Each structure stands twice: as C-alpha cells, then as structure tokens.
Amino acid sequence: MTETTLAYIIDEDRVLFLERNKREKDIHRGKFVVPGGKFLPGETPEECMQREIFEETGLHVESFNLMGEIDFPEFSIGEDIYCYIYRVEAFSGTLQENEEGYLHWVHMDEIYDLPQWEGDRIFLPWVIHGKRPFQATFPYVDGKLKEFTVTWR
C-alpha cells in the first residue's frame, strides 16, 4: 500500500489546484488535483503534506486540519493508495512553478466545473464545508469510480 496526502489550500473563497499536464505518462494528466504526494521513508502524514505543498507550490503551511482518510484500492494496476486529506487555511510564501503542472486559484463556485476524478467531486465538500472527520473507500475500475463508502467520526 502506498501512503499519500492531499491538501486543499483555501484562501477566502478560492482553492489552489494543480492542473496536471506537464508529464506525458502521468495518471492524473489532464485533471485538476490539489497538491500532495507519496510519503518518503520515515515521514509522518503531516511532514509529507507540508513537504509536498512546499515542493509543488512554494508555500509554507502555517495552519491545517486533518479532515479525513481515504482508501483507494487498486487505484492503479497493482497499487492500493491510502490518502490523508488535509485542509490548509493559513500559509505563507509566494507561488512558484513546478514540474508537474500549472497552479490555479479557483473560486469555490467554479471548482466543480474542472476536469477532476469523479470521487474528488464527492469528497470535496466534506473537506471544504465539513466539520466532522471521515474515513472512506473509493474503489476505481479502469479509471471509473465503482462506488464509495464513508464513515463519519
């Protein structure tokens, strides 16, 4: 199982998205995702989230909340992904380019119009508007969401 993080960076009524379009063989190519990535050996979820945000955006995290955890069984062939989902509300620094895609501040009213993974559209409001932590499973088959389950804590 691969452990990862995703971080929804919120600035008033906008969310920071990464348009993944720079790498030819990127499973997320053509989609808008939030900053995040795989753990390095020995990292905690918080350390991974903070490092990935800095690497992908140039921003430093000042305040965050763990909103939930999602299991993506067999997300890609032979790989189960377990993801810690964060909401970041305070940060510092200046946005900088990265090698994965282009960064965009997207108004809350427009985020559902973006090309995203189907499951992201489901759990996005849980992160942005939610007050209760969640544990969910989102199995995909051939890039399509099969179903999902969620338990509220």
Protein backbone atom coordinates (compact mmCIF):
# COMPACT_ATOMS: atom_id res chain seq x y z
CA MET A 1 0.00 0.00 0.00
CA THR A 2 1.25 3.44 -0.93
CA GLU A 3 0.60 6.20 1.61
CA THR A 4 -0.10 9.68 0.26
CA THR A 5 -1.50 13.08 1.20
CA LEU A 6 -3.76 15.62 -0.48
CA ALA A 7 -4.04 19.22 0.72
CA TYR A 8 -6.90 21.59 -0.01
CA ILE A 9 -5.31 25.03 0.37
CA ILE A 10 -8.05 27.59 0.92
CA ASP A 11 -7.70 31.35 0.59
CA GLU A 12 -11.02 33.05 1.41
CA ASP A 13 -13.34 31.80 -1.37
CA ARG A 14 -10.69 30.11 -3.53
CA VAL A 15 -8.96 26.71 -3.59
CA LEU A 16 -5.50 26.09 -5.05
CA PHE A 17 -5.49 23.43 -7.78
CA LEU A 18 -2.69 21.90 -9.80
CA GLU A 19 -3.52 21.34 -13.47
CA ARG A 20 -1.52 18.18 -14.22
CA ASN A 21 -0.36 18.49 -17.82
CA LYS A 22 3.43 18.58 -17.98
CA ARG A 23 4.28 14.86 -17.85
CA GLU A 24 3.23 12.53 -20.66
CA LYS A 25 2.88 9.39 -18.50
CA ASP A 26 1.01 10.94 -15.57
CA ILE A 27 -2.04 9.03 -14.30
CA HIS A 28 -3.52 12.42 -13.38
CA ARG A 29 -2.72 14.05 -16.77
CA GLY A 30 -5.43 16.47 -17.85
CA LYS A 31 -7.03 16.62 -14.40
CA PHE A 32 -7.10 19.32 -11.76
CA VAL A 33 -5.90 17.95 -8.43
CA VAL A 34 -4.72 19.54 -5.21
CA PRO A 35 -1.10 19.42 -4.02
CA GLY A 36 0.02 16.18 -2.43
CA GLY A 37 2.01 13.06 -2.99
CA LYS A 38 3.70 9.97 -1.65
CA PHE A 39 5.40 9.63 1.71
CA LEU A 40 9.17 9.49 1.89
CA PRO A 41 10.65 6.84 4.22
CA GLY A 42 10.15 7.80 7.87
CA GLU A 43 7.78 10.71 7.17
CA THR A 44 4.62 11.32 9.15
CA PRO A 45 1.45 12.30 7.26
CA GLU A 46 1.88 15.92 8.39
CA GLU A 47 5.52 16.05 7.29
CA CYS A 48 4.61 14.59 3.89
CA MET A 49 1.79 17.10 3.39
CA GLN A 50 3.98 20.07 4.31
CA ARG A 51 6.89 18.91 2.14
CA GLU A 52 4.66 18.19 -0.87
CA ILE A 53 2.97 21.59 -0.59
CA PHE A 54 6.32 23.34 -0.50
CA GLU A 55 7.72 21.29 -3.42
CA GLU A 56 4.62 21.77 -5.59
CA THR A 57 3.69 25.36 -4.69
CA GLY A 58 6.50 27.12 -2.80
CA LEU A 59 4.09 27.77 0.09
CA HIS A 60 4.78 27.09 3.78
CA VAL A 61 1.92 25.63 5.83
CA GLU A 62 1.06 27.54 9.00
CA SER A 63 -2.30 26.03 10.00
CA PHE A 64 -4.03 22.81 8.90
CA ASN A 65 -6.61 20.20 9.89
CA LEU A 66 -6.75 16.51 9.05
CA MET A 67 -10.22 16.18 7.52
CA GLY A 68 -10.28 12.50 6.63
CA GLU A 69 -8.62 9.39 5.30
CA ILE A 70 -9.46 7.61 2.06
CA ASP A 71 -8.55 4.16 0.83
CA PHE A 72 -8.29 3.86 -2.98
CA PRO A 73 -7.96 0.08 -3.54
CA GLU A 74 -6.32 -0.84 -6.86
CA PHE A 75 -6.29 2.83 -7.95
CA SER A 76 -3.68 1.95 -10.50
CA ILE A 77 -2.85 -1.59 -11.52
CA GLY A 78 -1.46 -3.44 -8.53
CA GLU A 79 -1.34 -0.35 -6.30
CA ASP A 80 -3.55 0.40 -3.33
CA ILE A 81 -3.38 4.02 -2.18
CA TYR A 82 -4.16 5.24 1.32
CA CYS A 83 -4.56 9.02 1.47
CA TYR A 84 -4.66 11.54 4.32
CA ILE A 85 -6.80 14.54 3.34
CA TYR A 86 -5.95 17.97 4.79
CA ARG A 87 -7.48 21.42 4.77
CA VAL A 88 -4.90 24.23 4.91
CA GLU A 89 -6.20 27.65 5.89
CA ALA A 90 -3.04 29.56 6.79
CA PHE A 91 0.13 29.65 4.72
CA SER A 92 2.93 31.98 3.68
CA GLY A 93 5.23 32.34 0.72
CA THR A 94 4.91 33.02 -2.97
CA LEU A 95 3.58 30.53 -5.54
CA GLN A 96 6.25 29.07 -7.79
CA GLU A 97 6.13 26.81 -10.82
CA ASN A 98 6.69 23.08 -10.56
CA GLU A 99 7.44 20.25 -12.96
CA GLU A 100 4.03 18.54 -12.71
CA GLY A 101 1.62 21.23 -13.92
CA TYR A 102 0.25 24.73 -13.54
CA LEU A 103 -1.18 26.20 -10.34
CA HIS A 104 -4.57 27.93 -10.38
CA TRP A 105 -6.56 29.66 -7.65
CA VAL A 106 -10.14 28.58 -8.44
CA HIS A 107 -13.22 30.24 -6.98
CA MET A 108 -15.43 27.89 -4.93
CA ASP A 109 -18.30 28.37 -7.41
CA GLU A 110 -16.14 27.06 -10.27
CA ILE A 111 -14.35 24.06 -8.77
CA TYR A 112 -16.99 21.53 -9.82
CA ASP A 113 -16.57 22.58 -13.47
CA LEU A 114 -12.93 21.45 -13.51
CA PRO A 115 -11.85 18.11 -15.01
CA GLN A 116 -11.32 16.02 -11.85
CA TRP A 117 -11.52 12.45 -10.65
CA GLU A 118 -15.15 11.51 -10.04
CA GLY A 119 -14.52 10.73 -6.36
CA ASP A 120 -12.89 14.12 -5.79
CA ARG A 121 -16.22 15.79 -6.61
CA ILE A 122 -17.87 13.68 -3.90
CA PHE A 123 -15.45 14.27 -1.03
CA LEU A 124 -14.51 17.86 -1.91
CA PRO A 125 -17.49 19.33 0.03
CA TRP A 126 -16.61 17.13 3.02
CA VAL A 127 -13.23 18.87 3.13
CA ILE A 128 -14.30 22.40 2.27
CA HIS A 129 -17.51 22.59 4.29
CA GLY A 130 -17.18 19.63 6.64
CA LYS A 131 -16.72 19.76 10.36
CA ARG A 132 -16.55 16.02 11.04
CA PRO A 133 -13.63 13.76 10.14
CA PHE A 134 -14.33 10.89 7.77
CA GLN A 135 -12.97 7.52 6.73
CA ALA A 136 -13.90 6.47 3.19
CA THR A 137 -13.20 3.92 0.47
CA PHE A 138 -13.29 4.90 -3.21
CA PRO A 139 -12.59 1.91 -5.49
CA TYR A 140 -11.92 2.70 -9.14
CA VAL A 141 -12.07 0.22 -12.03
CA ASP A 142 -10.43 1.28 -15.31
CA GLY A 143 -10.36 4.91 -14.16
CA LYS A 144 -14.07 4.98 -13.24
CA LEU A 145 -15.45 5.18 -9.70
CA LYS A 146 -17.23 1.93 -8.88
CA GLU A 147 -18.91 3.00 -5.61
CA PHE A 148 -17.91 4.56 -2.33
CA THR A 149 -18.46 4.12 1.38
CA VAL A 150 -17.96 6.65 4.15
CA THR A 151 -17.96 6.51 7.94
CA TRP A 152 -18.23 9.77 9.88
CA ARG A 153 -16.30 10.08 13.12
